Amino acid sequence: MAFEAAKGDRSINEIAAEYGIHPQQARAWKREFLEKIPLAFEKDRDTVTLQKEFEKAYQKIGQLEMKWDFLSSFQVPFPRILSNFQL
């Protein structure tokens, strides 16, 4: 209802009559809808924080993979105790 009122295709009185509400209530809902609609497009702070943490984790994974590749290129025999160790 509030979206229809915000579109402006029909008058508030027509919309209020269709939904069986008082025109003043329809105006209040329209005003609240228009005030709060920007919130639907804002990113949540928690979402932004999580996204940054994921980026850091992926970066760290990449660094560790590079170190592993570098270190595994050496042909140094592992001590017997580590020979059964698997990653």
C-alpha atoms as a PDB file:
ATOM      1  CA  MET A   1       0.000   0.000   0.000  1.00  0.00           C
ATOM      2  CA  ALA A   2       2.738   2.445   0.932  1.00  0.00           C
ATOM      3  CA  PHE A   3       4.579   1.666  -2.296  1.00  0.00           C
ATOM      4  CA  GLU A   4       1.451   2.352  -4.338  1.00  0.00           C
ATOM      5  CA  ALA A   5       0.984   5.646  -2.534  1.00  0.00           C
ATOM      6  CA  ALA A   6       4.630   6.574  -3.117  1.00  0.00           C
ATOM      7  CA  LYS A   7       4.369   5.834  -6.847  1.00  0.00           C
ATOM      8  CA  GLY A   8       1.731   8.545  -7.174  1.00  0.00           C
ATOM      9  CA  ASP A   9      -0.303   6.822  -9.897  1.00  0.00           C
ATOM     10  CA  ARG A  10      -3.489   7.199  -7.863  1.00  0.00           C
ATOM     11  CA  SER A  11      -4.623   9.556  -5.139  1.00  0.00           C
ATOM     12  CA  ILE A  12      -4.217   8.736  -1.463  1.00  0.00           C
ATOM     13  CA  ASN A  13      -8.016   8.721  -1.087  1.00  0.00           C
ATOM     14  CA  GLU A  14      -8.407   6.078  -3.825  1.00  0.00           C
ATOM     15  CA  ILE A  15      -5.749   3.858  -2.310  1.00  0.00           C
ATOM     16  CA  ALA A  16      -7.140   4.266   1.219  1.00  0.00           C
ATOM     17  CA  ALA A  17     -10.651   3.360   0.019  1.00  0.00           C
ATOM     18  CA  GLU A  18      -9.337   0.251  -1.757  1.00  0.00           C
ATOM     19  CA  TYR A  19      -7.562  -0.992   1.387  1.00  0.00           C
ATOM     20  CA  GLY A  20     -10.298   0.149   3.780  1.00  0.00           C
ATOM     21  CA  ILE A  21      -8.115   2.488   5.820  1.00  0.00           C
ATOM     22  CA  HIS A  22      -8.354   6.172   6.689  1.00  0.00           C
ATOM     23  CA  PRO A  23      -6.543   8.479   4.205  1.00  0.00           C
ATOM     24  CA  GLN A  24      -4.516   9.966   7.062  1.00  0.00           C
ATOM     25  CA  GLN A  25      -3.177   6.495   7.915  1.00  0.00           C
ATOM     26  CA  ALA A  26      -2.253   5.968   4.261  1.00  0.00           C
ATOM     27  CA  ARG A  27      -0.355   9.284   4.274  1.00  0.00           C
ATOM     28  CA  ALA A  28       1.490   8.308   7.461  1.00  0.00           C
ATOM     29  CA  TRP A  29       2.534   4.948   5.983  1.00  0.00           C
ATOM     30  CA  LYS A  30       3.625   6.626   2.754  1.00  0.00           C
ATOM     31  CA  ARG A  31       5.727   9.150   4.676  1.00  0.00           C
ATOM     32  CA  GLU A  32       7.320   6.399   6.795  1.00  0.00           C
ATOM     33  CA  PHE A  33       7.997   4.312   3.676  1.00  0.00           C
ATOM     34  CA  LEU A  34       9.735   7.208   1.925  1.00  0.00           C
ATOM     35  CA  GLU A  35      11.801   8.018   5.026  1.00  0.00           C
ATOM     36  CA  LYS A  36      13.001   4.456   5.522  1.00  0.00           C
ATOM     37  CA  ILE A  37      13.453   3.205   1.954  1.00  0.00           C
ATOM     38  CA  PRO A  38      17.154   4.260   1.860  1.00  0.00           C
ATOM     39  CA  LEU A  39      17.810   1.791   4.694  1.00  0.00           C
ATOM     40  CA  ALA A  40      16.971  -1.070   2.341  1.00  0.00           C
ATOM     41  CA  PHE A  41      19.976  -0.176   0.188  1.00  0.00           C
ATOM     42  CA  GLU A  42      22.547   0.456   2.919  1.00  0.00           C
ATOM     43  CA  LYS A  43      25.075  -2.191   3.783  1.00  0.00           C
ATOM     44  CA  ASP A  44      24.895  -3.441   7.304  1.00  0.00           C
ATOM     45  CA  ARG A  45      28.006  -2.679   9.372  1.00  0.00           C
ATOM     46  CA  ASP A  46      28.327  -6.344  10.314  1.00  0.00           C
ATOM     47  CA  THR A  47      28.260  -7.295   6.644  1.00  0.00           C
ATOM     48  CA  VAL A  48      31.037  -4.834   5.831  1.00  0.00           C
ATOM     49  CA  THR A  49      33.116  -6.061   8.789  1.00  0.00           C
ATOM     50  CA  LEU A  50      32.690  -9.699   7.757  1.00  0.00           C
ATOM     51  CA  GLN A  51      33.591  -8.874   4.179  1.00  0.00           C
ATOM     52  CA  LYS A  52      36.838  -7.239   5.336  1.00  0.00           C
ATOM     53  CA  GLU A  53      37.666 -10.232   7.539  1.00  0.00           C
ATOM     54  CA  PHE A  54      37.101 -12.624   4.617  1.00  0.00           C
ATOM     55  CA  GLU A  55      39.371 -10.538   2.406  1.00  0.00           C
ATOM     56  CA  LYS A  56      42.123 -10.678   5.052  1.00  0.00           C
ATOM     57  CA  ALA A  57      41.668 -14.442   5.440  1.00  0.00           C
ATOM     58  CA  TYR A  58      41.881 -15.033   1.682  1.00  0.00           C
ATOM     59  CA  GLN A  59      44.990 -12.870   1.521  1.00  0.00           C
ATOM     60  CA  LYS A  60      46.595 -14.861   4.348  1.00  0.00           C
ATOM     61  CA  ILE A  61      45.693 -18.152   2.621  1.00  0.00           C
ATOM     62  CA  GLY A  62      47.380 -16.908  -0.539  1.00  0.00           C
ATOM     63  CA  GLN A  63      50.518 -15.963   1.365  1.00  0.00           C
ATOM     64  CA  LEU A  64      50.669 -19.357   3.069  1.00  0.00           C
ATOM     65  CA  GLU A  65      50.191 -21.160  -0.243  1.00  0.00           C
ATOM     66  CA  MET A  66      53.088 -19.208  -1.733  1.00  0.00           C
ATOM     67  CA  LYS A  67      55.320 -20.070   1.239  1.00  0.00           C
ATOM     68  CA  TRP A  68      54.336 -23.728   0.994  1.00  0.00           C
ATOM     69  CA  ASP A  69      55.104 -23.814  -2.715  1.00  0.00           C
ATOM     70  CA  PHE A  70      58.470 -22.151  -2.122  1.00  0.00           C
ATOM     71  CA  LEU A  71      59.463 -24.425   0.739  1.00  0.00           C
ATOM     72  CA  SER A  72      58.268 -27.586  -0.983  1.00  0.00           C
ATOM     73  CA  SER A  73      60.522 -26.815  -3.954  1.00  0.00           C
ATOM     74  CA  PHE A  74      63.566 -27.729  -1.869  1.00  0.00           C
ATOM     75  CA  GLN A  75      64.536 -31.384  -1.965  1.00  0.00           C
ATOM     76  CA  VAL A  76      65.392 -31.661   1.722  1.00  0.00           C
ATOM     77  CA  PRO A  77      64.471 -35.017   3.269  1.00  0.00           C
ATOM     78  CA  PHE A  78      62.068 -34.755   6.141  1.00  0.00           C
ATOM     79  CA  PRO A  79      63.030 -36.322   9.442  1.00  0.00           C
ATOM     80  CA  ARG A  80      61.560 -39.767   9.985  1.00  0.00           C
ATOM     81  CA  ILE A  81      59.069 -38.485  12.571  1.00  0.00           C
ATOM     82  CA  LEU A  82      57.506 -36.131  10.000  1.00  0.00           C
ATOM     83  CA  SER A  83      57.432 -38.580   7.091  1.00  0.00           C
ATOM     84  CA  ASN A  84      53.878 -39.732   7.913  1.00  0.00           C
ATOM     85  CA  PHE A  85      52.576 -36.207   8.392  1.00  0.00           C
ATOM     86  CA  GLN A  86      50.015 -35.157   5.810  1.00  0.00           C
ATOM     87  CA  LEU A  87      48.524 -31.764   5.095  1.00  0.00           C
END
